[in-house]
């Protein structure tokens, strides 16, 4: 028979069983009574390892929970087909198959021969945990799948793009625009230095 633990004993990152399902404790908040005769309450933020649902629930400090029968088995990803994702157990050399629904987003990090740890509850696989190698490979795949950023390499093109967005140097305080200065000079020269009178006017 599995040992029991009280709600007040549950800490962050601990596993416990509730209503026949394994849970992972994400956060704990203990509320001690302020009045005489009150009960200590424990608020748990918990994740269902079967459905991946996360929610908060309040228990009494003395509520008891059994420890779940959870094990981790090393395995390598082999291939996937219409029936699911297949892994090779490194200890028994048996094929373990998990559905895409069970894996969730973890299936996006799989590649040939990637090493993972299969988590089992009561002997049944319920998910995988990525190793360091799988995390690095998954991060590389995510980076390759991202669209390239629209950043021109030419500095002049970058300056032109900044000016179109209103971020160019002419927007800065204290910087003059050469085109405007030259235009004002031409306009001022026309007023200050009028053209000479024509020959008909002299006569």
N, C-alpha and C. Protein backbone atom coordinates (compact mmCIF):
# COMPACT_ATOMS: atom_id res chain seq x y z
N UNK A 1 0.84 -1.20 0.00
CA UNK A 1 0.00 0.00 0.00
C UNK A 1 0.87 1.24 0.00
N UNK A 2 0.49 2.24 -0.84
CA UNK A 2 1.29 3.45 -0.94
C UNK A 2 1.17 4.26 0.33
N UNK A 3 2.26 4.92 0.70
CA UNK A 3 2.25 5.75 1.90
C UNK A 3 1.42 7.00 1.65
N UNK A 4 0.92 7.57 2.73
CA UNK A 4 0.07 8.75 2.64
C UNK A 4 0.84 9.99 3.12
N UNK A 5 0.50 11.12 2.55
CA UNK A 5 1.07 12.40 2.97
C UNK A 5 -0.07 13.38 3.21
N UNK A 6 0.14 14.27 4.15
CA UNK A 6 -0.87 15.28 4.45
C UNK A 6 -0.67 16.50 3.55
N UNK A 7 -1.75 17.26 3.40
CA UNK A 7 -1.68 18.43 2.53
C UNK A 7 -0.65 19.44 3.03
N UNK A 8 -0.50 19.56 4.34
CA UNK A 8 0.45 20.51 4.89
C UNK A 8 1.89 20.09 4.58
N UNK A 9 2.11 18.83 4.23
CA UNK A 9 3.45 18.33 3.94
C UNK A 9 3.83 18.49 2.47
N UNK A 10 2.89 18.83 1.63
CA UNK A 10 3.17 18.93 0.20
C UNK A 10 3.94 20.23 -0.07
N UNK A 11 5.02 20.10 -0.79
CA UNK A 11 5.86 21.23 -1.15
C UNK A 11 5.87 21.38 -2.67
N UNK A 12 6.46 22.46 -3.11
CA UNK A 12 6.59 22.69 -4.55
C UNK A 12 7.40 21.57 -5.20
N UNK A 13 6.99 21.21 -6.42
CA UNK A 13 7.64 20.21 -7.26
C UNK A 13 7.43 18.79 -6.75
N UNK A 14 6.58 18.61 -5.75
CA UNK A 14 6.28 17.27 -5.27
C UNK A 14 5.12 16.67 -6.06
N UNK A 15 5.05 15.34 -6.06
CA UNK A 15 4.00 14.61 -6.76
C UNK A 15 3.08 13.96 -5.72
N UNK A 16 1.80 13.96 -6.02
CA UNK A 16 0.83 13.31 -5.15
C UNK A 16 -0.34 12.83 -6.00
N UNK A 17 -1.13 11.96 -5.43
CA UNK A 17 -2.27 11.39 -6.14
C UNK A 17 -3.56 11.92 -5.54
N UNK A 18 -4.47 12.33 -6.42
CA UNK A 18 -5.75 12.88 -5.98
C UNK A 18 -6.86 12.37 -6.91
N UNK A 19 -7.83 11.72 -6.33
CA UNK A 19 -8.96 11.16 -7.09
C UNK A 19 -8.50 10.24 -8.21
N UNK A 20 -7.48 9.45 -7.92
CA UNK A 20 -7.02 8.44 -8.87
C UNK A 20 -6.12 8.94 -9.97
N UNK A 21 -5.70 10.20 -9.92
CA UNK A 21 -4.84 10.76 -10.95
C UNK A 21 -3.58 11.35 -10.32
N UNK A 22 -2.45 11.29 -11.00
CA UNK A 22 -1.22 11.88 -10.46
C UNK A 22 -1.20 13.38 -10.72
N UNK A 23 -0.66 14.11 -9.74
CA UNK A 23 -0.57 15.56 -9.84
C UNK A 23 0.84 16.02 -9.49
N UNK A 24 1.18 17.16 -10.07
CA UNK A 24 2.46 17.79 -9.77
C UNK A 24 2.17 19.14 -9.14
N UNK A 25 2.76 19.39 -7.97
CA UNK A 25 2.52 20.63 -7.25
C UNK A 25 3.38 21.75 -7.85
N UNK A 26 2.73 22.81 -8.29
CA UNK A 26 3.43 23.96 -8.87
C UNK A 26 3.71 25.03 -7.82
N UNK A 27 2.74 25.27 -6.95
CA UNK A 27 2.92 26.28 -5.91
C UNK A 27 2.04 25.93 -4.71
N UNK A 28 2.44 26.43 -3.53
CA UNK A 28 1.72 26.14 -2.28
C UNK A 28 1.52 27.45 -1.54
N UNK A 29 0.33 27.59 -0.98
CA UNK A 29 0.04 28.75 -0.13
C UNK A 29 -0.72 28.26 1.10
N UNK A 30 -0.15 28.50 2.27
CA UNK A 30 -0.73 28.04 3.54
C UNK A 30 -1.39 29.22 4.23
N UNK A 31 -2.66 29.04 4.61
CA UNK A 31 -3.41 30.07 5.33
C UNK A 31 -3.68 29.59 6.74
N UNK A 32 -3.05 30.22 7.71
CA UNK A 32 -3.24 29.85 9.12
C UNK A 32 -4.44 30.59 9.69
N UNK A 33 -5.17 29.96 10.59
CA UNK A 33 -6.39 30.59 11.13
C UNK A 33 -6.05 31.79 12.01
N UNK A 34 -6.89 32.80 11.93
CA UNK A 34 -6.72 33.99 12.77
C UNK A 34 -7.60 33.92 14.01
N UNK A 35 -8.67 33.15 13.94
CA UNK A 35 -9.57 33.02 15.09
C UNK A 35 -9.32 31.68 15.78
N UNK A 36 -9.69 31.61 17.05
CA UNK A 36 -9.50 30.38 17.81
C UNK A 36 -10.45 29.30 17.28
N UNK A 37 -9.91 28.13 17.10
CA UNK A 37 -10.70 27.02 16.61
C UNK A 37 -10.76 26.92 15.10
N UNK A 38 -10.09 27.84 14.40
CA UNK A 38 -10.07 27.78 12.93
C UNK A 38 -9.15 26.68 12.42
N UNK A 39 -9.28 26.37 11.14
CA UNK A 39 -8.48 25.32 10.52
C UNK A 39 -7.46 25.93 9.58
N UNK A 40 -6.31 25.28 9.53
CA UNK A 40 -5.28 25.68 8.58
C UNK A 40 -5.64 25.13 7.20
N UNK A 41 -5.61 26.01 6.22
CA UNK A 41 -5.95 25.63 4.85
C UNK A 41 -4.71 25.69 3.98
N UNK A 42 -4.66 24.78 3.03
CA UNK A 42 -3.53 24.70 2.10
C UNK A 42 -4.09 24.85 0.68
N UNK A 43 -3.66 25.87 0.01
CA UNK A 43 -4.07 26.12 -1.37
C UNK A 43 -2.96 25.66 -2.31
N UNK A 44 -3.28 24.72 -3.18
CA UNK A 44 -2.29 24.13 -4.08
C UNK A 44 -2.59 24.53 -5.52
N UNK A 45 -1.56 24.94 -6.20
CA UNK A 45 -1.63 25.10 -7.66
C UNK A 45 -1.06 23.82 -8.25
N UNK A 46 -1.88 23.03 -8.91
CA UNK A 46 -1.52 21.66 -9.27
C UNK A 46 -1.79 21.39 -10.74
N UNK A 47 -0.96 20.49 -11.29
CA UNK A 47 -1.10 20.09 -12.70
C UNK A 47 -1.45 18.61 -12.77
N UNK A 48 -2.49 18.30 -13.49
CA UNK A 48 -2.87 16.91 -13.74
C UNK A 48 -1.93 16.34 -14.80
N UNK A 49 -1.20 15.31 -14.44
CA UNK A 49 -0.22 14.74 -15.38
C UNK A 49 -0.88 13.95 -16.50
N UNK A 50 -2.16 13.65 -16.39
CA UNK A 50 -2.86 12.92 -17.44
C UNK A 50 -3.48 13.86 -18.46
N UNK A 51 -4.10 14.92 -17.99
CA UNK A 51 -4.78 15.86 -18.88
C UNK A 51 -4.00 17.14 -19.11
N UNK A 52 -2.92 17.39 -18.35
CA UNK A 52 -2.10 18.61 -18.41
C UNK A 52 -2.85 19.84 -17.92
N UNK A 53 -4.02 19.66 -17.35
CA UNK A 53 -4.79 20.80 -16.85
C UNK A 53 -4.15 21.35 -15.58
N UNK A 54 -4.15 22.67 -15.43
CA UNK A 54 -3.58 23.34 -14.26
C UNK A 54 -4.69 24.14 -13.58
N UNK A 55 -4.83 23.98 -12.29
CA UNK A 55 -5.86 24.70 -11.55
C UNK A 55 -5.46 24.79 -10.09
N UNK A 56 -6.18 25.63 -9.34
CA UNK A 56 -5.97 25.81 -7.89
C UNK A 56 -7.07 25.10 -7.13
N UNK A 57 -6.69 24.52 -6.00
CA UNK A 57 -7.66 23.86 -5.15
C UNK A 57 -7.20 23.97 -3.69
N UNK A 58 -8.16 24.19 -2.80
CA UNK A 58 -7.88 24.37 -1.39
C UNK A 58 -8.24 23.11 -0.62
N UNK A 59 -7.33 22.68 0.25
CA UNK A 59 -7.52 21.49 1.07
C UNK A 59 -7.31 21.86 2.53
N UNK A 60 -7.81 21.00 3.39
CA UNK A 60 -7.51 21.12 4.81
C UNK A 60 -6.11 20.59 5.07
N UNK A 61 -5.50 21.12 6.13
CA UNK A 61 -4.12 20.73 6.40
C UNK A 61 -3.99 19.24 6.66
N UNK A 62 -5.02 18.61 7.20
CA UNK A 62 -4.95 17.20 7.53
C UNK A 62 -5.41 16.26 6.44
N UNK A 63 -5.83 16.77 5.29
CA UNK A 63 -6.24 15.89 4.19
C UNK A 63 -5.05 15.05 3.73
N UNK A 64 -5.32 13.81 3.46
CA UNK A 64 -4.25 12.87 3.12
C UNK A 64 -4.33 12.48 1.65
N UNK A 65 -3.14 12.29 1.08
CA UNK A 65 -3.02 11.91 -0.32
C UNK A 65 -2.00 10.78 -0.44
N UNK A 66 -2.26 9.80 -1.26
CA UNK A 66 -1.26 8.75 -1.48
C UNK A 66 -0.16 9.22 -2.42
N UNK A 67 0.99 8.63 -2.27
CA UNK A 67 2.08 8.92 -3.20
C UNK A 67 1.84 8.16 -4.50
N UNK A 68 1.94 8.81 -5.64
CA UNK A 68 1.66 8.13 -6.91
C UNK A 68 2.78 7.19 -7.30
N UNK A 69 2.42 6.15 -8.01
CA UNK A 69 3.39 5.18 -8.52
C UNK A 69 3.93 5.70 -9.85
N UNK A 70 4.95 6.55 -9.75
CA UNK A 70 5.55 7.17 -10.93
C UNK A 70 6.98 6.69 -11.09
N UNK A 71 7.34 6.33 -12.32
CA UNK A 71 8.70 5.91 -12.64
C UNK A 71 9.13 6.58 -13.94
N UNK A 72 10.44 6.67 -14.12
CA UNK A 72 11.03 7.24 -15.33
C UNK A 72 11.88 6.18 -16.00
N UNK A 73 11.63 5.94 -17.28
CA UNK A 73 12.39 4.97 -18.06
C UNK A 73 13.07 5.69 -19.22
N UNK A 74 14.37 5.41 -19.39
CA UNK A 74 15.09 6.00 -20.51
C UNK A 74 14.68 5.33 -21.82
N UNK A 75 14.53 6.14 -22.85
CA UNK A 75 14.13 5.62 -24.15
C UNK A 75 14.64 6.54 -25.24
N UNK A 76 14.66 6.03 -26.46
CA UNK A 76 15.04 6.79 -27.64
C UNK A 76 13.87 6.80 -28.61
N UNK A 77 13.67 7.96 -29.21
CA UNK A 77 12.59 8.08 -30.19
C UNK A 77 12.99 7.37 -31.47
N UNK A 78 12.09 6.51 -31.98
CA UNK A 78 12.37 5.74 -33.19
C UNK A 78 11.71 6.35 -34.42
N UNK A 79 10.38 6.39 -34.43
CA UNK A 79 9.65 6.91 -35.59
C UNK A 79 8.22 7.19 -35.17
N UNK A 80 7.47 7.79 -36.08
CA UNK A 80 6.06 8.07 -35.85
C UNK A 80 5.27 7.68 -37.09
N UNK A 81 4.04 7.28 -36.87
CA UNK A 81 3.13 6.95 -37.95
C UNK A 81 1.71 7.29 -37.52
N UNK A 82 0.74 6.79 -38.25
CA UNK A 82 -0.65 7.11 -37.94
C UNK A 82 -1.10 6.58 -36.58
N UNK A 83 -0.42 5.55 -36.07
CA UNK A 83 -0.81 4.97 -34.79
C UNK A 83 -0.22 5.70 -33.60
N UNK A 84 0.78 6.55 -33.79
CA UNK A 84 1.36 7.29 -32.69
C UNK A 84 2.87 7.46 -32.84
N UNK A 85 3.51 7.76 -31.72
CA UNK A 85 4.96 8.00 -31.66
C UNK A 85 5.60 6.83 -30.91
N UNK A 86 6.63 6.24 -31.53
CA UNK A 86 7.20 5.00 -31.02
C UNK A 86 8.60 5.27 -30.44
N UNK A 87 8.82 4.70 -29.25
CA UNK A 87 10.08 4.85 -28.54
C UNK A 87 10.64 3.47 -28.21
N UNK A 88 11.96 3.40 -28.15
CA UNK A 88 12.64 2.15 -27.80
C UNK A 88 13.15 2.26 -26.38
N UNK A 89 12.62 1.43 -25.49
CA UNK A 89 13.04 1.40 -24.09
C UNK A 89 14.47 0.91 -24.01
N UNK A 90 15.34 1.66 -23.30
CA UNK A 90 16.76 1.32 -23.23
C UNK A 90 17.06 0.18 -22.28
N UNK A 91 16.11 -0.19 -21.43
CA UNK A 91 16.35 -1.29 -20.49
C UNK A 91 15.73 -2.60 -20.99
N UNK A 92 14.50 -2.52 -21.45
CA UNK A 92 13.82 -3.75 -21.89
C UNK A 92 13.88 -3.93 -23.40
N UNK A 93 14.29 -2.88 -24.13
CA UNK A 93 14.35 -2.90 -25.60
C UNK A 93 12.98 -3.22 -26.21
N UNK A 94 11.95 -2.79 -25.51
CA UNK A 94 10.60 -2.92 -26.03
C UNK A 94 10.15 -1.59 -26.62
N UNK A 95 9.22 -1.65 -27.55
CA UNK A 95 8.69 -0.44 -28.18
C UNK A 95 7.52 0.09 -27.37
N UNK A 96 7.61 1.37 -27.01
CA UNK A 96 6.55 2.04 -26.27
C UNK A 96 5.93 3.08 -27.19
N UNK A 97 4.60 3.04 -27.32
CA UNK A 97 3.89 3.94 -28.23
C UNK A 97 3.03 4.91 -27.43
N UNK A 98 3.16 6.19 -27.77
CA UNK A 98 2.35 7.24 -27.15
C UNK A 98 1.63 8.01 -28.24
N UNK A 99 0.43 8.45 -27.94
CA UNK A 99 -0.35 9.20 -28.91
C UNK A 99 0.09 10.66 -28.93
N UNK A 100 -0.27 11.36 -30.00
CA UNK A 100 0.06 12.77 -30.09
C UNK A 100 -0.64 13.60 -29.03
N UNK A 101 -1.85 13.19 -28.64
CA UNK A 101 -2.57 13.89 -27.58
C UNK A 101 -1.85 13.77 -26.24
N UNK A 102 -1.29 12.60 -25.98
CA UNK A 102 -0.56 12.40 -24.73
C UNK A 102 0.72 13.22 -24.69
N UNK A 103 1.41 13.32 -25.81
CA UNK A 103 2.68 14.05 -25.85
C UNK A 103 2.47 15.55 -25.85
N UNK A 104 1.40 16.02 -26.47
CA UNK A 104 1.18 17.46 -26.55
C UNK A 104 2.25 18.15 -27.38
N UNK A 105 2.73 19.29 -26.89
CA UNK A 105 3.74 20.05 -27.62
C UNK A 105 5.11 19.38 -27.58
N UNK A 106 5.30 18.42 -26.70
CA UNK A 106 6.59 17.73 -26.64
C UNK A 106 6.88 16.96 -27.93
N UNK A 107 5.87 16.64 -28.69
CA UNK A 107 6.10 15.90 -29.94
C UNK A 107 6.86 16.74 -30.95
N UNK A 108 6.82 18.08 -30.82
CA UNK A 108 7.52 18.95 -31.75
C UNK A 108 9.03 18.92 -31.53
N UNK A 109 9.47 18.38 -30.41
CA UNK A 109 10.90 18.34 -30.09
C UNK A 109 11.54 17.00 -30.42
N UNK A 110 10.80 16.12 -31.05
CA UNK A 110 11.30 14.78 -31.30
C UNK A 110 12.03 14.72 -32.65
N UNK A 111 13.08 13.94 -32.67
CA UNK A 111 13.84 13.65 -33.89
C UNK A 111 14.42 12.25 -33.74
N UNK A 112 15.01 11.75 -34.79
CA UNK A 112 15.54 10.39 -34.77
C UNK A 112 16.58 10.23 -33.67
N UNK A 113 16.39 9.18 -32.86
CA UNK A 113 17.33 8.78 -31.81
C UNK A 113 17.49 9.82 -30.70
N UNK A 114 16.55 10.73 -30.57
CA UNK A 114 16.61 11.67 -29.46
C UNK A 114 16.30 10.94 -28.16
N UNK A 115 17.12 11.18 -27.15
CA UNK A 115 16.95 10.50 -25.86
C UNK A 115 15.96 11.25 -24.99
N UNK A 116 15.00 10.53 -24.45
CA UNK A 116 13.98 11.10 -23.56
C UNK A 116 13.79 10.18 -22.37
N UNK A 117 12.99 10.62 -21.44
CA UNK A 117 12.58 9.80 -20.30
C UNK A 117 11.06 9.66 -20.33
N UNK A 118 10.60 8.44 -20.40
CA UNK A 118 9.17 8.18 -20.44
C UNK A 118 8.65 8.06 -19.01
N UNK A 119 7.67 8.88 -18.70
CA UNK A 119 7.07 8.85 -17.37
C UNK A 119 5.88 7.89 -17.38
N UNK A 120 5.87 6.98 -16.40
CA UNK A 120 4.81 5.97 -16.32
C UNK A 120 4.10 6.10 -14.98
N UNK A 121 2.78 5.95 -15.04
CA UNK A 121 1.94 5.95 -13.85
C UNK A 121 1.22 4.61 -13.77
N UNK A 122 1.50 3.90 -12.69
CA UNK A 122 0.97 2.54 -12.52
C UNK A 122 1.34 1.63 -13.70
N UNK A 123 2.54 1.83 -14.22
CA UNK A 123 3.03 1.00 -15.32
C UNK A 123 2.61 1.45 -16.69
N UNK A 124 1.78 2.48 -16.81
CA UNK A 124 1.31 2.96 -18.11
C UNK A 124 1.99 4.28 -18.47
N UNK A 125 2.50 4.42 -19.70
CA UNK A 125 3.16 5.68 -20.09
C UNK A 125 2.16 6.82 -20.17
N UNK A 126 2.52 7.95 -19.61
CA UNK A 126 1.64 9.12 -19.60
C UNK A 126 2.30 10.35 -20.20
N UNK A 127 3.57 10.28 -20.52
CA UNK A 127 4.25 11.44 -21.09
C UNK A 127 5.74 11.23 -21.14
N UNK A 128 6.44 12.23 -21.61
CA UNK A 128 7.90 12.17 -21.70
C UNK A 128 8.50 13.41 -21.05
N UNK A 129 9.74 13.26 -20.62
CA UNK A 129 10.53 14.37 -20.11
C UNK A 129 11.76 14.47 -20.99
N UNK A 130 12.04 15.68 -21.43
CA UNK A 130 13.16 15.89 -22.33
C UNK A 130 14.47 15.96 -21.57
N UNK A 131 15.49 15.39 -22.13
CA UNK A 131 16.84 15.51 -21.58
C UNK A 131 17.49 16.77 -22.14
N UNK A 132 18.73 17.04 -21.70
CA UNK A 132 19.42 18.23 -22.18
C UNK A 132 19.63 18.20 -23.67
N UNK A 133 19.92 17.02 -24.22
CA UNK A 133 20.14 16.92 -25.66
C UNK A 133 18.86 17.22 -26.42
N UNK A 134 17.74 16.71 -25.94
CA UNK A 134 16.46 16.95 -26.61
C UNK A 134 16.08 18.42 -26.54
N UNK A 135 16.39 19.09 -25.42
CA UNK A 135 16.07 20.51 -25.30
C UNK A 135 16.87 21.32 -26.31
N UNK A 136 18.17 21.00 -26.44
CA UNK A 136 18.99 21.75 -27.39
C UNK A 136 18.52 21.52 -28.81
N UNK A 137 18.17 20.27 -29.13
CA UNK A 137 17.71 19.98 -30.47
C UNK A 137 16.37 20.68 -30.74
N UNK A 138 15.50 20.69 -29.75
CA UNK A 138 14.21 21.35 -29.91
C UNK A 138 14.36 22.85 -30.09
N UNK A 139 15.30 23.46 -29.35
CA UNK A 139 15.53 24.89 -29.50
C UNK A 139 16.07 25.20 -30.88
N UNK A 140 16.93 24.32 -31.41
CA UNK A 140 17.46 24.53 -32.75
C UNK A 140 16.36 24.43 -33.79
N UNK A 141 15.46 23.46 -33.62
CA UNK A 141 14.36 23.31 -34.56
C UNK A 141 13.41 24.51 -34.50
N UNK A 142 13.20 25.05 -33.31
CA UNK A 142 12.35 26.22 -33.19
C UNK A 142 12.99 27.42 -33.87
N UNK A 143 14.31 27.59 -33.70
CA UNK A 143 14.98 28.71 -34.33
C UNK A 143 14.93 28.60 -35.84
N UNK A 144 15.07 27.37 -36.37
CA UNK A 144 15.02 27.20 -37.81
C UNK A 144 13.63 27.43 -38.37
N UNK A 145 12.61 27.18 -37.55
CA UNK A 145 11.25 27.35 -38.03
C UNK A 145 10.78 28.80 -37.97
N UNK A 146 11.52 29.67 -37.27
CA UNK A 146 11.10 31.06 -37.18
C UNK A 146 11.38 31.76 -38.49
N UNK A 147 10.48 32.63 -38.93
CA UNK A 147 10.73 33.38 -40.17
C UNK A 147 11.86 34.37 -39.97
N UNK A 148 12.66 34.62 -41.00
CA UNK A 148 13.77 35.57 -40.86
C UNK A 148 13.25 36.97 -40.60
N UNK A 149 13.97 37.70 -39.81
CA UNK A 149 13.59 39.06 -39.48
C UNK A 149 13.88 39.98 -40.66
N UNK A 150 12.98 40.93 -40.85
CA UNK A 150 13.11 41.86 -41.97
C UNK A 150 14.04 43.00 -41.59
N UNK A 151 15.32 42.68 -41.56
CA UNK A 151 16.33 43.68 -41.24
C UNK A 151 17.35 43.77 -42.38
N UNK A 152 17.38 44.88 -43.10
CA UNK A 152 18.34 44.99 -44.20
C UNK A 152 19.76 45.00 -43.69
N UNK A 153 20.66 44.39 -44.44
CA UNK A 153 22.06 44.34 -44.05
C UNK A 153 22.80 45.61 -44.45
N UNK A 154 22.34 46.27 -45.52
CA UNK A 154 23.00 47.48 -45.99
C UNK A 154 22.70 48.61 -45.00
N UNK A 155 23.71 49.32 -44.48
CA UNK A 155 23.44 50.40 -43.53
C UNK A 155 22.58 51.50 -44.13
N UNK A 156 22.78 51.78 -45.43
CA UNK A 156 21.97 52.82 -46.05
C UNK A 156 20.51 52.41 -46.14
N UNK A 157 20.28 51.11 -46.44
CA UNK A 157 18.90 50.63 -46.47
C UNK A 157 18.28 50.66 -45.07
N UNK A 158 19.09 50.36 -44.07
CA UNK A 158 18.58 50.42 -42.70
C UNK A 158 18.21 51.85 -42.31
N UNK A 159 19.05 52.83 -42.72
CA UNK A 159 18.75 54.22 -42.43
C UNK A 159 17.48 54.67 -43.14
N UNK A 160 17.32 54.22 -44.39
CA UNK A 160 16.10 54.55 -45.13
C UNK A 160 14.87 53.96 -44.46
N UNK A 161 15.00 52.74 -43.98
CA UNK A 161 13.87 52.11 -43.29
C UNK A 161 13.55 52.83 -42.00
N UNK A 162 14.54 53.29 -41.27
CA UNK A 162 14.31 54.03 -40.03
C UNK A 162 13.64 55.37 -40.32
N UNK A 163 14.03 56.03 -41.42
CA UNK A 163 13.41 57.31 -41.75
C UNK A 163 11.94 57.13 -42.12
N UNK A 164 11.63 56.02 -42.79
CA UNK A 164 10.23 55.76 -43.14
C UNK A 164 9.38 55.56 -41.90
N UNK A 165 9.98 55.01 -40.85
CA UNK A 165 9.26 54.78 -39.59
C UNK A 165 9.29 55.99 -38.66
N UNK A 166 9.95 57.08 -39.11
CA UNK A 166 10.02 58.25 -38.24
C UNK A 166 11.09 58.15 -37.20
N UNK A 167 12.11 57.29 -37.42
CA UNK A 167 13.17 57.11 -36.44
C UNK A 167 14.52 57.59 -36.98
N UNK A 168 14.50 58.29 -38.09
CA UNK A 168 15.75 58.71 -38.70
C UNK A 168 16.44 59.80 -37.91
N UNK A 169 17.68 60.16 -38.27
CA UNK A 169 18.43 61.17 -37.51
C UNK A 169 17.82 62.55 -37.63
N UNK A 170 17.02 62.83 -38.73
CA UNK A 170 16.45 64.16 -38.86
C UNK A 170 15.37 64.40 -37.82
N UNK A 171 14.93 63.35 -37.12
CA UNK A 171 13.95 63.53 -36.07
C UNK A 171 14.59 63.92 -34.75
N UNK A 172 15.88 63.75 -34.65
CA UNK A 172 16.55 64.05 -33.39
C UNK A 172 16.67 65.56 -33.20
N UNK A 173 16.68 65.97 -31.95
CA UNK A 173 16.81 67.40 -31.65
C UNK A 173 18.22 67.87 -31.95
N UNK A 174 18.31 69.07 -32.52
CA UNK A 174 19.61 69.66 -32.78
C UNK A 174 20.25 69.22 -34.07
N UNK A 175 19.62 68.43 -34.89
CA UNK A 175 20.19 67.96 -36.16
C UNK A 175 19.42 68.61 -37.29
N UNK A 176 20.10 69.28 -38.19
CA UNK A 176 19.47 69.98 -39.29
C UNK A 176 19.41 69.09 -40.52
N UNK A 177 18.37 69.31 -41.29
CA UNK A 177 18.23 68.57 -42.54
C UNK A 177 18.88 69.39 -43.65
N UNK A 178 19.84 68.84 -44.36
CA UNK A 178 20.56 69.62 -45.38
C UNK A 178 19.64 70.12 -46.48
N UNK A 179 18.66 69.34 -46.88
CA UNK A 179 17.78 69.77 -47.97
C UNK A 179 17.01 71.02 -47.63
N UNK A 180 16.50 71.09 -46.41
CA UNK A 180 15.74 72.26 -46.01
C UNK A 180 16.64 73.48 -45.89
N UNK A 181 17.83 73.31 -45.36
CA UNK A 181 18.75 74.44 -45.22
C UNK A 181 19.10 75.00 -46.59
N UNK A 182 19.38 74.12 -47.57
CA UNK A 182 19.74 74.56 -48.91
C UNK A 182 18.57 75.28 -49.57
N UNK A 183 17.35 74.80 -49.36
CA UNK A 183 16.18 75.44 -49.95
C UNK A 183 15.94 76.82 -49.37
N UNK A 184 16.13 76.97 -48.07
CA UNK A 184 15.97 78.29 -47.47
C UNK A 184 17.04 79.26 -47.97
N UNK A 185 18.23 78.76 -48.21
CA UNK A 185 19.29 79.64 -48.72
C UNK A 185 18.94 80.15 -50.11
N UNK A 186 18.43 79.27 -50.96
CA UNK A 186 18.04 79.70 -52.31
C UNK A 186 16.92 80.71 -52.26
N UNK A 187 15.94 80.47 -51.37
CA UNK A 187 14.82 81.40 -51.26
C UNK A 187 15.28 82.75 -50.75
N UNK A 188 16.17 82.76 -49.79
CA UNK A 188 16.66 84.03 -49.24
C UNK A 188 17.49 84.78 -50.26
N UNK A 189 18.29 84.07 -51.05
CA UNK A 189 19.12 84.74 -52.06
C UNK A 189 18.26 85.40 -53.11
N UNK A 190 17.07 84.84 -53.42
CA UNK A 190 16.19 85.46 -54.41
C UNK A 190 15.62 86.77 -53.93
N UNK A 191 15.36 86.90 -52.63
CA UNK A 191 14.83 88.15 -52.11
C UNK A 191 15.92 89.20 -51.92
N UNK A 192 17.07 88.76 -51.44
CA UNK A 192 18.13 89.72 -51.15
C UNK A 192 18.82 90.21 -52.41
N UNK A 193 18.97 89.40 -53.40
CA UNK A 193 19.68 89.75 -54.63
C UNK A 193 18.72 89.64 -55.80
N UNK A 194 17.89 90.65 -56.08
CA UNK A 194 16.95 90.54 -57.20
C UNK A 194 17.70 90.53 -58.52
N UNK A 195 17.11 90.00 -59.56
CA UNK A 195 17.78 89.96 -60.87
C UNK A 195 17.92 91.36 -61.45
N UNK A 196 18.92 91.61 -62.31
CA UNK A 196 19.14 92.96 -62.91
C UNK A 196 17.98 93.32 -63.81
N UNK A 197 17.69 94.63 -63.94
CA UNK A 197 16.59 95.05 -64.81
C UNK A 197 16.89 94.75 -66.27
N UNK A 198 15.86 94.54 -67.04
CA UNK A 198 16.06 94.24 -68.47
C UNK A 198 16.41 95.49 -69.24
N UNK A 199 16.85 95.32 -70.49
CA UNK A 199 17.32 96.44 -71.32
C UNK A 199 16.18 97.38 -71.70
N UNK A 200 14.95 96.88 -71.85
CA UNK A 200 13.82 97.72 -72.20
C UNK A 200 13.52 98.72 -71.09
N UNK A 201 13.73 98.30 -69.87
CA UNK A 201 13.46 99.20 -68.77
C UNK A 201 14.45 100.35 -68.74
N UNK A 202 15.75 100.12 -69.16
CA UNK A 202 16.75 101.18 -69.19
C UNK A 202 16.38 102.27 -70.19
N UNK A 203 15.85 101.86 -71.34
CA UNK A 203 15.48 102.84 -72.35
C UNK A 203 14.32 103.72 -71.88
